[in-house]
Amino acid sequence: MLRKPIDIMEKKVSAIVKGEEVSDVKYVLYSAHDDQVTNMLNFLGVDYYWIPFAATVTFELKYSA
């Protein structure tokens, strides 16, 4: 589940560091059930009490010149 967004972020960072043209991908949206969100948070080692209905998990890649 996390492989594709992490790959996109790695490619963006690599292009920025090398001074190459950055891809046009600016936003990636995934939809998942609560059990998939639970599994992802467990994998990432996040401490949580419960996953509410319609929960959101956001990853941002920020950089500045």
N, C-alpha and C. Protein backbone atom coordinates (compact mmCIF):
# COMPACT_ATOMS: atom_id res chain seq x y z
N MET A 1 0.81 -1.19 0.00
CA MET A 1 0.00 0.00 0.00
C MET A 1 0.87 1.27 0.00
N LEU A 2 1.96 1.23 0.71
CA LEU A 2 2.82 2.42 0.79
C LEU A 2 3.91 2.45 -0.28
N ARG A 3 4.09 1.36 -0.98
CA ARG A 3 5.21 1.27 -1.93
C ARG A 3 5.15 2.34 -3.02
N LYS A 4 3.99 2.54 -3.63
CA LYS A 4 3.90 3.49 -4.74
C LYS A 4 4.10 4.94 -4.29
N PRO A 5 3.41 5.42 -3.23
CA PRO A 5 3.65 6.81 -2.84
C PRO A 5 5.09 7.06 -2.37
N ILE A 6 5.68 6.10 -1.68
CA ILE A 6 7.07 6.28 -1.24
C ILE A 6 8.00 6.31 -2.45
N ASP A 7 7.73 5.48 -3.45
CA ASP A 7 8.54 5.48 -4.68
C ASP A 7 8.44 6.83 -5.39
N ILE A 8 7.24 7.39 -5.46
CA ILE A 8 7.05 8.69 -6.10
C ILE A 8 7.84 9.76 -5.34
N MET A 9 7.77 9.74 -3.99
CA MET A 9 8.50 10.72 -3.20
C MET A 9 10.01 10.57 -3.38
N GLU A 10 10.52 9.33 -3.41
CA GLU A 10 11.95 9.10 -3.60
C GLU A 10 12.42 9.65 -4.95
N LYS A 11 11.62 9.43 -5.99
CA LYS A 11 11.98 9.93 -7.33
C LYS A 11 11.99 11.45 -7.35
N LYS A 12 11.02 12.09 -6.68
CA LYS A 12 10.99 13.55 -6.63
C LYS A 12 12.23 14.10 -5.92
N VAL A 13 12.55 13.53 -4.77
CA VAL A 13 13.71 14.00 -4.01
C VAL A 13 14.98 13.80 -4.83
N SER A 14 15.12 12.66 -5.47
CA SER A 14 16.30 12.38 -6.29
C SER A 14 16.42 13.40 -7.43
N ALA A 15 15.31 13.70 -8.09
CA ALA A 15 15.34 14.66 -9.19
C ALA A 15 15.71 16.05 -8.69
N ILE A 16 15.19 16.44 -7.54
CA ILE A 16 15.49 17.75 -6.97
C ILE A 16 16.97 17.85 -6.63
N VAL A 17 17.51 16.82 -5.99
CA VAL A 17 18.92 16.82 -5.59
C VAL A 17 19.83 16.87 -6.81
N LYS A 18 19.47 16.15 -7.86
CA LYS A 18 20.29 16.11 -9.08
C LYS A 18 20.08 17.32 -9.97
N GLY A 19 19.08 18.16 -9.65
CA GLY A 19 18.80 19.33 -10.47
C GLY A 19 18.07 18.99 -11.75
N GLU A 20 17.42 17.84 -11.78
CA GLU A 20 16.67 17.41 -12.95
C GLU A 20 15.23 17.93 -12.88
N GLU A 21 14.52 17.77 -13.98
CA GLU A 21 13.12 18.19 -14.02
C GLU A 21 12.30 17.26 -13.12
N VAL A 22 11.45 17.87 -12.31
CA VAL A 22 10.61 17.12 -11.37
C VAL A 22 9.33 16.69 -12.08
N SER A 23 8.84 15.49 -11.76
CA SER A 23 7.63 14.96 -12.40
C SER A 23 6.42 15.84 -12.10
N ASP A 24 5.39 15.68 -12.91
CA ASP A 24 4.17 16.47 -12.77
C ASP A 24 3.25 15.96 -11.67
N VAL A 25 3.53 14.81 -11.09
CA VAL A 25 2.67 14.26 -10.04
C VAL A 25 2.74 15.16 -8.82
N LYS A 26 1.60 15.72 -8.44
CA LYS A 26 1.56 16.63 -7.30
C LYS A 26 0.69 16.10 -6.17
N TYR A 27 -0.17 15.13 -6.47
CA TYR A 27 -1.12 14.66 -5.48
C TYR A 27 -1.46 13.21 -5.78
N VAL A 28 -1.41 12.38 -4.76
CA VAL A 28 -1.77 10.97 -4.91
C VAL A 28 -2.83 10.67 -3.86
N LEU A 29 -3.95 10.11 -4.27
CA LEU A 29 -5.05 9.82 -3.36
C LEU A 29 -5.31 8.33 -3.36
N TYR A 30 -5.34 7.75 -2.18
CA TYR A 30 -5.68 6.34 -2.01
C TYR A 30 -6.89 6.25 -1.11
N SER A 31 -7.71 5.28 -1.36
CA SER A 31 -8.88 5.02 -0.53
C SER A 31 -8.72 3.64 0.07
N ALA A 32 -9.07 3.48 1.35
CA ALA A 32 -8.90 2.20 2.01
C ALA A 32 -9.95 2.02 3.09
N HIS A 33 -10.16 0.79 3.49
CA HIS A 33 -11.05 0.49 4.61
C HIS A 33 -10.29 0.68 5.92
N ASP A 34 -11.02 0.75 7.01
CA ASP A 34 -10.40 1.00 8.31
C ASP A 34 -9.39 -0.07 8.69
N ASP A 35 -9.61 -1.33 8.29
CA ASP A 35 -8.64 -2.37 8.64
C ASP A 35 -7.32 -2.17 7.89
N GLN A 36 -7.37 -1.63 6.68
CA GLN A 36 -6.14 -1.34 5.95
C GLN A 36 -5.40 -0.16 6.58
N VAL A 37 -6.13 0.83 7.05
CA VAL A 37 -5.52 1.97 7.74
C VAL A 37 -4.89 1.47 9.04
N THR A 38 -5.58 0.59 9.75
CA THR A 38 -5.04 0.01 10.98
C THR A 38 -3.73 -0.73 10.70
N ASN A 39 -3.72 -1.57 9.67
CA ASN A 39 -2.51 -2.31 9.31
C ASN A 39 -1.36 -1.37 8.96
N MET A 40 -1.66 -0.29 8.23
CA MET A 40 -0.62 0.66 7.85
C MET A 40 -0.05 1.35 9.09
N LEU A 41 -0.92 1.79 10.00
CA LEU A 41 -0.45 2.45 11.21
C LEU A 41 0.35 1.50 12.09
N ASN A 42 -0.06 0.24 12.16
CA ASN A 42 0.72 -0.76 12.90
C ASN A 42 2.11 -0.92 12.28
N PHE A 43 2.16 -0.98 10.95
CA PHE A 43 3.44 -1.12 10.24
C PHE A 43 4.35 0.06 10.52
N LEU A 44 3.77 1.27 10.57
CA LEU A 44 4.55 2.48 10.81
C LEU A 44 4.86 2.70 12.29
N GLY A 45 4.31 1.86 13.16
CA GLY A 45 4.59 1.97 14.58
C GLY A 45 3.89 3.13 15.27
N VAL A 46 2.74 3.53 14.74
CA VAL A 46 1.98 4.64 15.31
C VAL A 46 1.18 4.14 16.51
N ASP A 47 1.20 4.90 17.60
CA ASP A 47 0.43 4.56 18.79
C ASP A 47 -0.95 5.21 18.66
N TYR A 48 -2.01 4.44 18.64
CA TYR A 48 -3.36 4.96 18.49
C TYR A 48 -4.31 4.13 19.35
N TYR A 49 -5.45 4.72 19.66
CA TYR A 49 -6.44 4.04 20.48
C TYR A 49 -7.43 3.28 19.60
N TRP A 50 -7.98 3.94 18.57
CA TRP A 50 -8.88 3.30 17.62
C TRP A 50 -8.93 4.13 16.34
N ILE A 51 -9.39 3.52 15.28
CA ILE A 51 -9.50 4.21 13.98
C ILE A 51 -10.95 4.61 13.78
N PRO A 52 -11.25 5.90 13.76
CA PRO A 52 -12.65 6.32 13.56
C PRO A 52 -13.09 6.12 12.11
N PHE A 53 -14.38 6.03 11.92
CA PHE A 53 -14.94 5.94 10.58
C PHE A 53 -14.55 7.21 9.81
N ALA A 54 -14.19 7.05 8.55
CA ALA A 54 -13.79 8.16 7.68
C ALA A 54 -12.50 8.82 8.16
N ALA A 55 -11.57 8.02 8.66
CA ALA A 55 -10.27 8.54 9.10
C ALA A 55 -9.43 8.94 7.89
N THR A 56 -8.50 9.85 8.12
CA THR A 56 -7.60 10.31 7.07
C THR A 56 -6.17 10.21 7.55
N VAL A 57 -5.30 9.71 6.69
CA VAL A 57 -3.86 9.68 6.96
C VAL A 57 -3.21 10.46 5.82
N THR A 58 -2.40 11.45 6.17
CA THR A 58 -1.79 12.31 5.15
C THR A 58 -0.27 12.27 5.27
N PHE A 59 0.39 12.10 4.13
CA PHE A 59 1.85 12.20 4.04
C PHE A 59 2.15 13.38 3.14
N GLU A 60 3.04 14.24 3.57
CA GLU A 60 3.42 15.40 2.76
C GLU A 60 4.92 15.40 2.53
N LEU A 61 5.31 15.76 1.32
CA LEU A 61 6.71 15.94 0.99
C LEU A 61 6.90 17.43 0.73
N LYS A 62 7.63 18.08 1.62
CA LYS A 62 7.86 19.53 1.50
C LYS A 62 9.34 19.78 1.30
N TYR A 63 9.63 20.76 0.49
CA TYR A 63 11.02 21.16 0.30
C TYR A 63 11.06 22.61 -0.13
N SER A 64 12.22 23.21 0.02
CA SER A 64 12.40 24.58 -0.45
C SER A 64 13.77 24.66 -1.13
N ALA A 65 13.86 25.54 -2.06
CA ALA A 65 15.12 25.73 -2.78
C ALA A 65 16.14 26.27 -1.82
